[in-house]
Amino acid sequence: MIDDKKHTSDAKPVPSVMNTVLPPELTIWYEARRLCGDPNMSVDELAACIAQDPVLVIEFLKIANGMSIGGTKQTTTTIKGSIIRLGSEFTIDTLNSVEARTQLSDPGVSNWFETHRSRCTRTAIIARMIAEVQAKHIADECQVAGLLSFVGELIAVAHFREKYVKIAENNTRTGTIFRLATDFKFDVRSVGFSYLTKQGLPQIILSALDQDSSAKSGDKMIMKPIVASANELIDAFDSGKWGKYAPGKLLPSKSPLRLLSIQESQYTKIYERATQYLFLTRQQDEKKRYEKETKVMQRPTIEEAPPAAPAAKKEDISERQRTISNLNDEINNLLSFSFTDIPTATTSSFEIDRSQIAAETPPVKTKSIQTIVTSIASELNNASNSEELLSSILDKLITSGPFEKTALIVVAKDKTHAKVVAARGPNIGSGQQINISDPLSPLAQSFSKVRSFGKQSSDVSPFGSNSFAVAPIDAQYENPVALYADCGSKASITFEARRVFRSVVELLNEKLPTLPGGIPVEFDKK
């Protein structure tokens, strides 16, 4: 049982703090609205999108848990459950009501708000990764709790605004929290907890965030250290101490990770996937900040401003949709490749009354993706041995698919170098040796990596490309084997290309263990 007085008496927040209106992340909002107009959309897809913004999650849980079902209130603890309970009409209404909220106009205030929102989102994904091996049945709840861990800091930014910016720019995060407490009697943890309690969030979520309570048994007991561990890992990454939490390193004596007793092999997988995800989101955040700064610097004068504002807005919407769709796919790819014993989630159909909403852009066409994957699937069905199959796949990804270069790469057992054993496309050849200087690179750690864009070449790319896709395949070979593909030195990996690549890897990993043979080696070994 939570002692609410303990959390409200310390901070003594004034009513205006509890009534603070938090703005949604418009990128997430636009994509959620687009999904509502997509006839192929599923509950899982929409839930995954909404689950990236704590502001939207609070609103959906609040409204869904405020509804009566059959005359009684039944608690829903997940975003998917909230969407199902609300139905299509109320889901759209909820999104519309949140979109009307005023955004933070001051660039400094907005940047700090987005910094803390990003921290919430990243903590949520890491919490889910940990929960997948510790408490899979409540992975959704752990993700929600992780997402809401820093609501107090979001409120602080939205409430104090320029005062917050002045403090934060001259202090560390810990120092900022201390200054808010001493100067304004504003305890971010207590205020955040009180705010979520007022919103009527489920008890299981509140318990996971209540650092002063001690759950004796059940799901509440495991959720708290999972969320705390995710928070600790995010702290380590943001403070430049990520390497201290690498597999094999001694954890701090008070680390909540110790309470989970995670097996070494499981922790290695968590760390690999977390590394990939955190560097991906850092890249996305830096790109977003760069684009925002560029727009501010290039903002036209009143005389130069184009009159067709609606057209410009549609262009911004389209770009935001592409950005968040790409990131959603990357995250889903990470989670799906994390642990081989995780069953594929069942996709539930979610019917939307499209008379309620006009799609602002047409749904992404997937016919070409289906055609390519079907063509490649036929190759798998007709294959008699693994060598012929892999050679054929390298060709198909170029001739029938969206890629310019493909390769099969074998990694040395000491993971210091790798060799291209088969390749297709320009400026890439069989027999080429690749030196691996980064022990956390996708080749060294044998994990899936997709970099969809980049203005500069990537150090972790096997060939220095600015965008590429690489993934381990189960080739039944003595050394790790990876499939590589890119769309050229200057082209980005499109949404369709990533879908094709991921589908091919999944098909290969199902088929290869059933075939005789080895891997193609298309160079003179002498």
Protein backbone atom coordinates (compact mmCIF):
# COMPACT_ATOMS: atom_id res chain seq x y z
CA MET A 1 0.00 0.00 0.00
CA ILE A 2 1.45 3.38 -0.97
CA ASP A 3 1.54 6.18 1.55
CA ASP A 4 0.51 9.11 -0.66
CA LYS A 5 1.07 11.61 2.17
CA LYS A 6 4.73 10.78 2.21
CA HIS A 7 5.05 11.96 -1.36
CA THR A 8 2.90 15.05 -1.16
CA SER A 9 4.05 16.44 2.16
CA ASP A 10 7.73 16.72 1.20
CA ALA A 11 7.24 18.77 -1.95
CA LYS A 12 3.96 20.50 -1.04
CA PRO A 13 3.28 21.34 -4.68
CA VAL A 14 0.99 24.27 -5.31
CA PRO A 15 -2.18 23.54 -7.31
CA SER A 16 -0.76 25.18 -10.44
CA VAL A 17 2.02 22.58 -10.53
CA MET A 18 -0.45 19.71 -10.38
CA ASN A 19 -2.43 21.31 -13.20
CA THR A 20 0.58 21.73 -15.46
CA VAL A 21 -0.33 20.84 -19.06
CA LEU A 22 2.40 18.82 -20.79
CA PRO A 23 2.62 19.10 -24.60
CA PRO A 24 2.79 15.95 -26.76
CA GLU A 25 5.71 15.13 -29.04
CA LEU A 26 4.33 16.17 -32.42
CA THR A 27 6.38 13.62 -34.36
CA ILE A 28 4.76 10.82 -32.38
CA TRP A 29 1.35 12.47 -32.59
CA TYR A 30 1.47 12.82 -36.39
CA GLU A 31 2.48 9.18 -36.82
CA ALA A 32 -0.25 7.97 -34.44
CA ARG A 33 -2.83 9.96 -36.41
CA ARG A 34 -1.52 8.54 -39.67
CA LEU A 35 -1.77 5.01 -38.32
CA CYS A 36 -5.40 5.64 -37.40
CA GLY A 37 -6.09 6.20 -41.11
CA ASP A 38 -4.12 3.16 -42.29
CA PRO A 39 -6.38 0.19 -43.19
CA ASN A 40 -3.51 -2.21 -42.43
CA MET A 41 -2.81 -0.77 -38.99
CA SER A 42 -2.85 -3.07 -35.94
CA VAL A 43 -3.24 -2.37 -32.23
CA ASP A 44 0.37 -3.42 -31.64
CA GLU A 45 1.69 -0.95 -34.19
CA LEU A 46 -0.32 1.97 -32.83
CA ALA A 47 0.54 1.07 -29.24
CA ALA A 48 4.27 0.92 -30.07
CA CYS A 49 4.03 4.41 -31.52
CA ILE A 50 2.10 5.98 -28.62
CA ALA A 51 4.35 4.24 -26.08
CA GLN A 52 7.24 6.51 -27.10
CA ASP A 53 5.69 9.64 -25.57
CA PRO A 54 4.99 9.80 -21.81
CA VAL A 55 2.49 12.62 -22.36
CA LEU A 56 0.33 10.50 -24.67
CA VAL A 57 0.66 7.46 -22.41
CA ILE A 58 -0.56 9.37 -19.37
CA GLU A 59 -3.58 10.64 -21.30
CA PHE A 60 -4.52 7.24 -22.72
CA LEU A 61 -4.21 5.45 -19.37
CA LYS A 62 -6.11 8.22 -17.57
CA ILE A 63 -9.04 8.21 -19.99
CA ALA A 64 -9.18 4.43 -20.42
CA ASN A 65 -9.15 3.81 -16.66
CA GLY A 66 -11.80 6.47 -16.15
CA MET A 67 -14.26 4.55 -18.30
CA SER A 68 -16.78 2.15 -16.81
CA ILE A 69 -17.21 -1.28 -18.40
CA GLY A 70 -20.51 -2.93 -17.54
CA GLY A 71 -21.08 -0.50 -14.70
CA THR A 72 -17.70 -1.18 -13.06
CA LYS A 73 -14.21 0.25 -13.52
CA GLN A 74 -11.67 -2.31 -14.67
CA THR A 75 -8.01 -1.32 -14.57
CA THR A 76 -5.94 -1.44 -17.74
CA THR A 77 -2.17 -1.20 -17.30
CA THR A 78 -0.93 -1.13 -20.90
CA ILE A 79 -1.24 1.13 -23.92
CA LYS A 80 -2.56 -1.71 -26.06
CA GLY A 81 -5.25 -2.42 -23.47
CA SER A 82 -6.13 1.27 -23.35
CA ILE A 83 -6.55 1.48 -27.14
CA ILE A 84 -8.76 -1.59 -27.22
CA ARG A 85 -10.93 -0.25 -24.39
CA LEU A 86 -11.27 3.19 -25.97
CA GLY A 87 -12.12 1.91 -29.45
CA SER A 88 -11.45 3.75 -32.70
CA GLU A 89 -13.63 6.80 -32.09
CA PHE A 90 -12.36 7.61 -28.59
CA THR A 91 -8.77 6.84 -29.63
CA ILE A 92 -8.98 9.49 -32.33
CA ASP A 93 -10.76 11.91 -29.98
CA THR A 94 -8.02 11.43 -27.38
CA LEU A 95 -5.30 12.18 -29.91
CA ASN A 96 -7.17 15.26 -31.15
CA SER A 97 -7.63 16.66 -27.65
CA VAL A 98 -3.94 16.31 -26.79
CA GLU A 99 -2.80 17.86 -30.08
CA ALA A 100 -4.59 21.08 -29.16
CA ARG A 101 -2.21 21.68 -26.25
CA THR A 102 0.17 24.63 -26.61
CA GLN A 103 3.73 23.70 -27.43
CA LEU A 104 6.66 25.24 -25.53
CA SER A 105 7.69 28.14 -27.75
CA ASP A 106 10.98 29.13 -26.13
CA PRO A 107 13.80 27.11 -27.82
CA GLY A 108 15.76 26.68 -24.59
CA VAL A 109 12.73 25.46 -22.63
CA SER A 110 11.69 23.17 -25.49
CA ASN A 111 15.19 21.66 -25.76
CA TRP A 112 15.27 20.76 -22.06
CA PHE A 113 11.76 19.32 -22.21
CA GLU A 114 12.73 17.12 -25.16
CA THR A 115 15.93 16.08 -23.38
CA HIS A 116 13.91 14.70 -20.47
CA ARG A 117 11.28 13.21 -22.79
CA SER A 118 14.06 11.35 -24.61
CA ARG A 119 15.33 10.09 -21.27
CA CYS A 120 11.85 8.77 -20.46
CA THR A 121 11.58 7.00 -23.81
CA ARG A 122 15.03 5.43 -23.60
CA THR A 123 14.46 4.24 -20.03
CA ALA A 124 11.21 2.61 -21.16
CA ILE A 125 12.88 0.59 -23.93
CA ILE A 126 15.76 -0.52 -21.69
CA ALA A 127 13.25 -1.52 -18.99
CA ARG A 128 11.42 -3.61 -21.56
CA MET A 129 14.64 -5.28 -22.71
CA ILE A 130 15.40 -6.30 -19.13
CA ALA A 131 11.82 -7.41 -18.51
CA GLU A 132 11.88 -9.66 -21.58
CA VAL A 133 14.29 -11.97 -19.73
CA GLN A 134 13.15 -11.35 -16.15
CA ALA A 135 9.38 -10.93 -16.25
CA LYS A 136 8.14 -11.28 -19.80
CA HIS A 137 4.49 -11.39 -18.73
CA ILE A 138 4.68 -7.78 -17.47
CA ALA A 139 7.11 -6.38 -20.06
CA ASP A 140 4.45 -3.90 -21.24
CA GLU A 141 3.92 -2.62 -17.69
CA CYS A 142 7.66 -2.29 -17.12
CA GLN A 143 7.93 -0.25 -20.29
CA VAL A 144 5.13 2.07 -19.13
CA ALA A 145 6.70 2.50 -15.68
CA GLY A 146 10.09 3.25 -17.22
CA LEU A 147 8.49 5.81 -19.52
CA LEU A 148 6.95 7.68 -16.58
CA SER A 149 10.03 7.63 -14.34
CA PHE A 150 10.96 11.27 -14.99
CA VAL A 151 7.60 12.98 -15.33
CA GLY A 152 8.61 15.22 -12.42
CA GLU A 153 11.38 16.73 -14.54
CA LEU A 154 9.01 17.29 -17.45
CA ILE A 155 6.71 19.16 -15.06
CA ALA A 156 9.64 21.17 -13.70
CA VAL A 157 10.60 22.37 -17.19
CA ALA A 158 6.99 23.19 -18.19
CA HIS A 159 6.32 24.96 -14.87
CA PHE A 160 9.49 26.97 -14.27
CA ARG A 161 10.43 27.43 -17.97
CA GLU A 162 13.19 30.07 -18.31
CA LYS A 163 14.06 29.72 -14.61
CA TYR A 164 14.65 26.01 -15.17
CA VAL A 165 16.84 26.68 -18.21
CA LYS A 166 19.02 29.10 -16.25
CA ILE A 167 19.54 26.53 -13.47
CA ALA A 168 20.04 23.53 -15.78
CA GLU A 169 22.60 25.26 -17.98
CA ASN A 170 24.85 25.89 -14.99
CA ASN A 171 24.42 22.58 -13.15
CA THR A 172 24.52 18.85 -13.71
CA ARG A 173 21.22 16.97 -13.67
CA THR A 174 21.77 16.07 -10.01
CA GLY A 175 22.70 19.65 -9.23
CA THR A 176 19.59 20.92 -10.99
CA ILE A 177 17.36 18.60 -8.98
CA PHE A 178 19.06 19.82 -5.78
CA ARG A 179 18.62 23.50 -6.71
CA LEU A 180 14.93 23.01 -7.47
CA ALA A 181 14.46 21.40 -4.07
CA THR A 182 16.37 24.03 -2.11
CA ASP A 183 15.33 27.17 -4.03
CA PHE A 184 11.70 26.33 -4.79
CA LYS A 185 10.85 23.42 -2.42
CA PHE A 186 10.21 21.42 -5.61
CA ASP A 187 11.12 17.74 -5.28
CA VAL A 188 10.94 16.32 -8.82
CA ARG A 189 10.33 12.74 -7.69
CA SER A 190 7.57 13.62 -5.25
CA VAL A 191 5.89 16.03 -7.64
CA GLY A 192 6.03 13.49 -10.46
CA PHE A 193 4.55 10.77 -8.28
CA SER A 194 1.79 13.05 -7.01
CA TYR A 195 0.98 14.12 -10.56
CA LEU A 196 0.67 10.53 -11.80
CA THR A 197 -1.44 9.62 -8.77
CA LYS A 198 -3.78 12.49 -9.55
CA GLN A 199 -4.08 11.28 -13.14
CA GLY A 200 -5.41 7.96 -11.83
CA LEU A 201 -2.65 5.72 -13.11
CA PRO A 202 -2.81 1.99 -12.23
CA GLN A 203 -1.48 0.89 -8.87
CA ILE A 204 1.06 -1.53 -10.37
CA ILE A 205 2.68 1.34 -12.29
CA LEU A 206 2.70 3.64 -9.26
CA SER A 207 4.21 0.93 -7.08
CA ALA A 208 7.10 0.46 -9.48
CA LEU A 209 7.85 4.19 -9.23
CA ASP A 210 7.45 4.48 -5.46
CA GLN A 211 11.00 4.34 -4.10
CA ASP A 212 9.82 4.60 -0.50
CA SER A 213 7.59 1.53 -0.49
CA SER A 214 8.78 -2.07 -0.28
CA ALA A 215 6.66 -4.61 -2.14
CA LYS A 216 6.78 -8.00 -0.45
CA SER A 217 5.83 -10.25 -3.35
CA GLY A 218 4.36 -10.53 -6.81
CA ASP A 219 4.87 -8.41 -9.89
CA LYS A 220 5.38 -5.20 -7.90
CA MET A 221 8.53 -6.63 -6.35
CA ILE A 222 10.27 -7.39 -9.67
CA MET A 223 9.10 -4.26 -11.50
CA LYS A 224 10.84 -1.85 -9.16
CA PRO A 225 14.42 -3.17 -9.65
CA ILE A 226 13.78 -3.56 -13.39
CA VAL A 227 12.84 0.12 -13.73
CA ALA A 228 15.63 1.18 -11.37
CA SER A 229 18.14 -0.85 -13.41
CA ALA A 230 17.00 0.81 -16.62
CA ASN A 231 17.43 4.20 -14.95
CA GLU A 232 20.93 3.24 -13.83
CA LEU A 233 21.95 2.14 -17.32
CA ILE A 234 20.64 5.36 -18.88
CA ASP A 235 22.59 7.35 -16.27
CA ALA A 236 25.73 5.42 -17.16
CA PHE A 237 25.28 5.99 -20.89
CA ASP A 238 24.54 9.71 -20.56
CA SER A 239 27.48 10.29 -18.20
CA GLY A 240 30.01 8.49 -20.41
CA LYS A 241 30.34 5.47 -18.11
CA TRP A 242 28.70 2.92 -20.42
CA GLY A 243 31.85 0.80 -20.67
CA LYS A 244 31.82 0.23 -16.89
CA TYR A 245 28.60 -1.77 -17.29
CA ALA A 246 29.93 -4.02 -20.07
CA PRO A 247 29.58 -7.80 -19.57
CA GLY A 248 32.28 -9.09 -17.25
CA LYS A 249 32.67 -5.81 -15.36
CA LEU A 250 32.01 -5.69 -11.62
CA LEU A 251 28.73 -3.89 -10.93
CA PRO A 252 28.53 -1.23 -8.18
CA SER A 253 27.68 -2.70 -4.78
CA LYS A 254 24.30 -0.91 -4.62
CA SER A 255 23.36 -1.51 -8.24
CA PRO A 256 19.71 -2.63 -8.62
CA LEU A 257 20.96 -4.94 -11.39
CA ARG A 258 22.40 -7.15 -8.65
CA LEU A 259 18.89 -7.74 -7.28
CA LEU A 260 17.77 -9.23 -10.59
CA SER A 261 20.44 -11.97 -10.70
CA ILE A 262 20.55 -11.88 -14.50
CA GLN A 263 22.50 -14.72 -16.11
CA GLU A 264 25.71 -13.65 -17.84
CA SER A 265 24.51 -14.74 -21.28
CA GLN A 266 21.25 -12.86 -20.83
CA TYR A 267 23.00 -9.72 -19.62
CA THR A 268 25.34 -9.86 -22.62
CA LYS A 269 22.35 -9.82 -24.95
CA ILE A 270 20.72 -6.99 -23.01
CA TYR A 271 23.92 -4.96 -23.14
CA GLU A 272 24.42 -5.55 -26.87
CA ARG A 273 20.88 -4.53 -27.76
CA ALA A 274 20.95 -1.59 -25.36
CA THR A 275 24.22 -0.40 -26.92
CA GLN A 276 22.73 -0.54 -30.39
CA TYR A 277 19.51 1.19 -29.34
CA LEU A 278 21.11 3.96 -27.28
CA PHE A 279 23.59 4.94 -29.98
CA LEU A 280 20.77 4.87 -32.52
CA THR A 281 18.60 7.22 -30.46
CA ARG A 282 21.57 9.50 -29.77
CA GLN A 283 22.04 9.79 -33.52
CA GLN A 284 18.34 10.53 -33.98
CA ASP A 285 18.34 13.16 -31.22
CA GLU A 286 21.42 14.87 -32.64
CA LYS A 287 19.85 14.94 -36.10
CA LYS A 288 16.64 16.40 -34.66
CA ARG A 289 18.55 19.11 -32.77
CA TYR A 290 20.63 19.94 -35.84
CA GLU A 291 17.53 20.30 -38.02
CA LYS A 292 15.82 22.47 -35.39
CA GLU A 293 18.87 24.75 -35.09
CA THR A 294 19.17 24.95 -38.88
CA LYS A 295 15.51 25.98 -39.20
CA VAL A 296 15.98 28.68 -36.57
CA MET A 297 19.09 30.02 -38.32
CA GLN A 298 17.40 29.99 -41.72
CA ARG A 299 14.03 31.31 -40.55
CA PRO A 300 12.77 33.75 -43.23
CA THR A 301 11.75 37.32 -42.48
CA ILE A 302 8.10 38.37 -42.65
CA GLU A 303 8.60 39.69 -46.17
CA GLU A 304 10.33 36.47 -47.27
CA ALA A 305 7.93 34.09 -45.58
CA PRO A 306 5.94 32.02 -48.11
CA PRO A 307 2.18 32.58 -47.97
CA ALA A 308 1.28 28.91 -48.42
CA ALA A 309 1.63 27.85 -44.79
CA PRO A 310 -0.68 24.79 -45.07
CA ALA A 311 1.51 23.26 -47.80
CA ALA A 312 4.62 23.72 -45.68
CA LYS A 313 2.86 22.04 -42.77
CA LYS A 314 1.99 19.00 -44.86
CA GLU A 315 5.63 18.73 -45.90
CA ASP A 316 6.70 18.85 -42.25
CA ILE A 317 4.09 16.22 -41.37
CA SER A 318 5.32 13.91 -44.11
CA GLU A 319 8.92 14.24 -42.94
CA ARG A 320 7.95 13.63 -39.32
CA GLN A 321 6.01 10.54 -40.32
CA ARG A 322 8.98 9.14 -42.19
CA THR A 323 11.29 9.86 -39.27
CA ILE A 324 9.18 8.19 -36.61
CA SER A 325 8.24 5.27 -38.90
CA ASN A 326 11.94 4.61 -39.42
CA LEU A 327 12.68 4.79 -35.70
CA ASN A 328 9.71 2.53 -34.86
CA ASP A 329 11.03 -0.07 -37.28
CA GLU A 330 14.53 0.15 -35.79
CA ILE A 331 13.20 -0.35 -32.24
CA ASN A 332 10.97 -3.26 -33.24
CA ASN A 333 13.92 -4.80 -35.05
CA LEU A 334 16.05 -4.50 -31.92
CA LEU A 335 13.43 -6.05 -29.66
CA SER A 336 12.62 -8.86 -32.09
CA PHE A 337 16.29 -9.85 -32.43
CA SER A 338 17.09 -9.52 -28.73
CA PHE A 339 16.23 -12.97 -27.44
CA THR A 340 15.55 -16.04 -29.53
CA ASP A 341 13.10 -17.48 -26.98
CA ILE A 342 10.72 -14.51 -27.25
CA PRO A 343 7.63 -15.55 -29.24
CA THR A 344 6.47 -13.31 -32.06
CA ALA A 345 3.70 -11.02 -30.84
CA THR A 346 0.27 -11.71 -32.27
CA THR A 347 -0.95 -8.83 -34.39
CA SER A 348 -4.52 -7.89 -33.62
CA SER A 349 -6.70 -6.18 -36.18
CA PHE A 350 -7.92 -2.75 -35.15
CA GLU A 351 -10.74 -1.34 -37.22
CA ILE A 352 -10.85 2.45 -37.55
CA ASP A 353 -13.88 4.34 -38.75
CA ARG A 354 -12.09 6.37 -41.42
CA SER A 355 -15.04 8.72 -41.79
CA GLN A 356 -13.83 10.17 -38.48
CA ILE A 357 -10.44 11.20 -39.83
CA ALA A 358 -8.94 12.11 -43.17
CA ALA A 359 -5.51 10.60 -43.71
CA GLU A 360 -3.09 13.44 -44.28
CA THR A 361 -0.79 11.28 -46.37
CA PRO A 362 -1.51 7.95 -48.08
CA PRO A 363 -0.39 4.75 -46.35
CA VAL A 364 3.02 3.37 -47.29
CA LYS A 365 2.67 1.01 -50.24
CA THR A 366 3.95 -2.46 -49.39
CA LYS A 367 3.25 -4.32 -52.62
CA SER A 368 6.86 -3.97 -53.80
CA ILE A 369 8.12 -5.30 -50.45
CA GLN A 370 5.80 -8.29 -50.65
CA THR A 371 6.87 -8.99 -54.24
CA ILE A 372 10.55 -8.94 -53.36
CA VAL A 373 10.15 -11.07 -50.23
CA THR A 374 7.93 -13.55 -52.10
CA SER A 375 10.56 -13.87 -54.83
CA ILE A 376 13.29 -14.47 -52.27
CA ALA A 377 11.09 -16.91 -50.34
CA SER A 378 10.72 -19.01 -53.49
CA GLU A 379 14.52 -19.21 -53.69
CA LEU A 380 14.57 -20.56 -50.15
CA ASN A 381 11.93 -23.17 -50.91
CA ASN A 382 13.79 -24.39 -53.98
CA ALA A 383 17.27 -24.39 -52.45
CA SER A 384 19.04 -27.73 -52.18
CA ASN A 385 22.10 -26.54 -50.23
CA SER A 386 23.13 -23.51 -48.23
CA GLU A 387 25.99 -22.38 -50.51
CA GLU A 388 23.75 -22.00 -53.55
CA LEU A 389 21.05 -20.35 -51.45
CA LEU A 390 23.35 -17.69 -49.98
CA SER A 391 24.87 -16.89 -53.37
CA SER A 392 21.40 -16.53 -54.84
CA ILE A 393 20.23 -14.26 -51.99
CA LEU A 394 23.17 -11.92 -52.55
CA ASP A 395 22.11 -11.59 -56.18
CA LYS A 396 18.39 -11.25 -55.44
CA LEU A 397 18.84 -8.41 -52.95
CA ILE A 398 20.31 -6.37 -55.82
CA THR A 399 18.46 -7.58 -58.91
CA SER A 400 15.01 -7.84 -57.30
CA GLY A 401 15.56 -5.75 -54.19
CA PRO A 402 16.48 -2.15 -53.32
CA PHE A 403 20.19 -2.65 -52.58
CA GLU A 404 23.32 -1.71 -54.51
CA LYS A 405 25.88 -3.84 -52.65
CA THR A 406 25.61 -7.09 -50.71
CA ALA A 407 28.18 -9.28 -49.00
CA LEU A 408 28.66 -12.30 -46.83
CA ILE A 409 31.18 -11.64 -44.04
CA VAL A 410 32.94 -14.16 -41.78
CA VAL A 411 34.23 -12.86 -38.44
CA ALA A 412 37.43 -14.21 -36.90
CA LYS A 413 37.08 -16.05 -33.61
CA ASP A 414 39.11 -13.42 -31.77
CA LYS A 415 36.79 -10.75 -33.30
CA THR A 416 39.68 -8.50 -34.30
CA HIS A 417 39.02 -8.78 -38.01
CA ALA A 418 36.62 -10.22 -40.58
CA LYS A 419 36.77 -11.32 -44.21
CA VAL A 420 34.37 -10.90 -47.12
CA VAL A 421 33.81 -14.38 -48.55
CA ALA A 422 31.23 -13.42 -51.20
CA ALA A 423 30.16 -10.03 -52.54
CA ARG A 424 27.99 -8.34 -55.17
CA GLY A 425 27.96 -4.76 -56.44
CA PRO A 426 30.47 -1.99 -57.17
CA ASN A 427 33.56 -1.22 -55.08
CA ILE A 428 33.29 -4.36 -52.99
CA GLY A 429 35.22 -7.57 -53.49
CA SER A 430 35.54 -11.09 -52.15
CA GLY A 431 38.63 -11.70 -50.06
CA GLN A 432 38.66 -8.19 -48.61
CA GLN A 433 39.76 -8.07 -44.96
CA ILE A 434 38.01 -5.79 -42.48
CA ASN A 435 39.81 -4.71 -39.31
CA ILE A 436 37.55 -4.48 -36.26
CA SER A 437 38.81 -1.79 -33.89
CA ASP A 438 35.61 -1.32 -31.89
CA PRO A 439 34.81 -4.31 -29.62
CA LEU A 440 31.17 -3.13 -29.47
CA SER A 441 30.71 -3.01 -33.24
CA PRO A 442 27.91 -5.13 -34.77
CA LEU A 443 30.43 -7.50 -36.37
CA ALA A 444 32.37 -8.01 -33.13
CA GLN A 445 29.26 -8.56 -31.04
CA SER A 446 27.28 -10.37 -33.76
CA PHE A 447 24.14 -8.26 -33.50
CA SER A 448 21.84 -6.69 -36.03
CA LYS A 449 22.53 -3.08 -37.02
CA VAL A 450 20.78 -0.75 -39.45
CA ARG A 451 21.96 2.79 -40.00
CA SER A 452 19.37 4.41 -42.19
CA PHE A 453 21.08 7.71 -42.89
CA GLY A 454 24.20 9.71 -42.21
CA LYS A 455 26.05 12.72 -43.52
CA GLN A 456 29.39 11.10 -42.79
CA SER A 457 30.77 7.60 -43.05
CA SER A 458 30.25 5.34 -40.05
CA ASP A 459 33.13 3.88 -38.06
CA VAL A 460 31.09 0.76 -37.31
CA SER A 461 30.21 0.15 -40.95
CA PRO A 462 32.23 -2.75 -42.39
CA PHE A 463 32.97 -0.63 -45.47
CA GLY A 464 32.70 2.88 -44.02
CA SER A 465 29.30 3.56 -45.60
CA ASN A 466 27.14 6.35 -44.23
CA SER A 467 24.15 3.97 -44.19
CA PHE A 468 24.04 0.18 -44.16
CA ALA A 469 22.38 -2.95 -42.82
CA VAL A 470 24.16 -5.92 -41.28
CA ALA A 471 22.84 -8.91 -39.32
CA PRO A 472 24.13 -12.30 -38.10
CA ILE A 473 22.80 -15.36 -39.91
CA ASP A 474 22.64 -18.95 -38.69
CA ALA A 475 24.90 -20.44 -41.36
CA GLN A 476 25.98 -23.39 -39.20
CA TYR A 477 29.60 -22.30 -39.66
CA GLU A 478 32.44 -22.50 -37.15
CA ASN A 479 32.86 -18.71 -37.17
CA PRO A 480 30.19 -16.00 -36.92
CA VAL A 481 28.70 -15.10 -40.32
CA ALA A 482 26.92 -11.85 -41.17
CA LEU A 483 24.84 -10.64 -44.13
CA TYR A 484 25.58 -7.08 -45.30
CA ALA A 485 23.74 -4.71 -47.66
CA ASP A 486 23.65 -1.02 -48.52
CA CYS A 487 22.00 1.25 -51.08
CA GLY A 488 25.15 3.04 -52.19
CA SER A 489 27.69 5.34 -50.62
CA LYS A 490 25.36 8.37 -50.58
CA ALA A 491 21.87 6.84 -50.49
CA SER A 492 19.90 6.13 -47.32
CA ILE A 493 18.44 2.80 -46.26
CA THR A 494 14.75 3.38 -46.89
CA PHE A 495 11.88 2.10 -44.79
CA GLU A 496 11.08 -0.47 -47.52
CA ALA A 497 14.73 -1.58 -47.74
CA ARG A 498 14.90 -2.21 -44.00
CA ARG A 499 11.72 -4.26 -44.12
CA VAL A 500 13.12 -6.36 -46.97
CA PHE A 501 16.46 -6.89 -45.21
CA ARG A 502 14.86 -7.90 -41.91
CA SER A 503 12.45 -10.29 -43.63
CA VAL A 504 15.28 -11.94 -45.57
CA VAL A 505 17.37 -12.42 -42.42
CA GLU A 506 14.41 -13.99 -40.60
CA LEU A 507 13.73 -16.35 -43.51
CA LEU A 508 17.40 -17.32 -43.80
CA ASN A 509 17.71 -18.08 -40.09
CA GLU A 510 14.72 -20.41 -40.34
CA LYS A 511 15.88 -22.17 -43.50
CA LEU A 512 19.70 -22.44 -43.24
CA PRO A 513 19.81 -24.88 -40.28
CA THR A 514 17.74 -27.35 -42.34
CA LEU A 515 20.06 -27.35 -45.38
CA PRO A 516 23.29 -29.26 -46.03
CA GLY A 517 26.41 -27.48 -47.21
CA GLY A 518 28.36 -24.51 -45.95
CA ILE A 519 28.95 -20.97 -47.05
CA PRO A 520 30.13 -19.72 -50.46
CA VAL A 521 33.81 -18.75 -50.54
CA GLU A 522 34.37 -16.87 -53.78
CA PHE A 523 38.08 -16.13 -53.64
CA ASP A 524 41.36 -17.94 -53.80
CA LYS A 525 42.15 -18.97 -50.22
CA LYS A 526 45.83 -19.20 -51.03
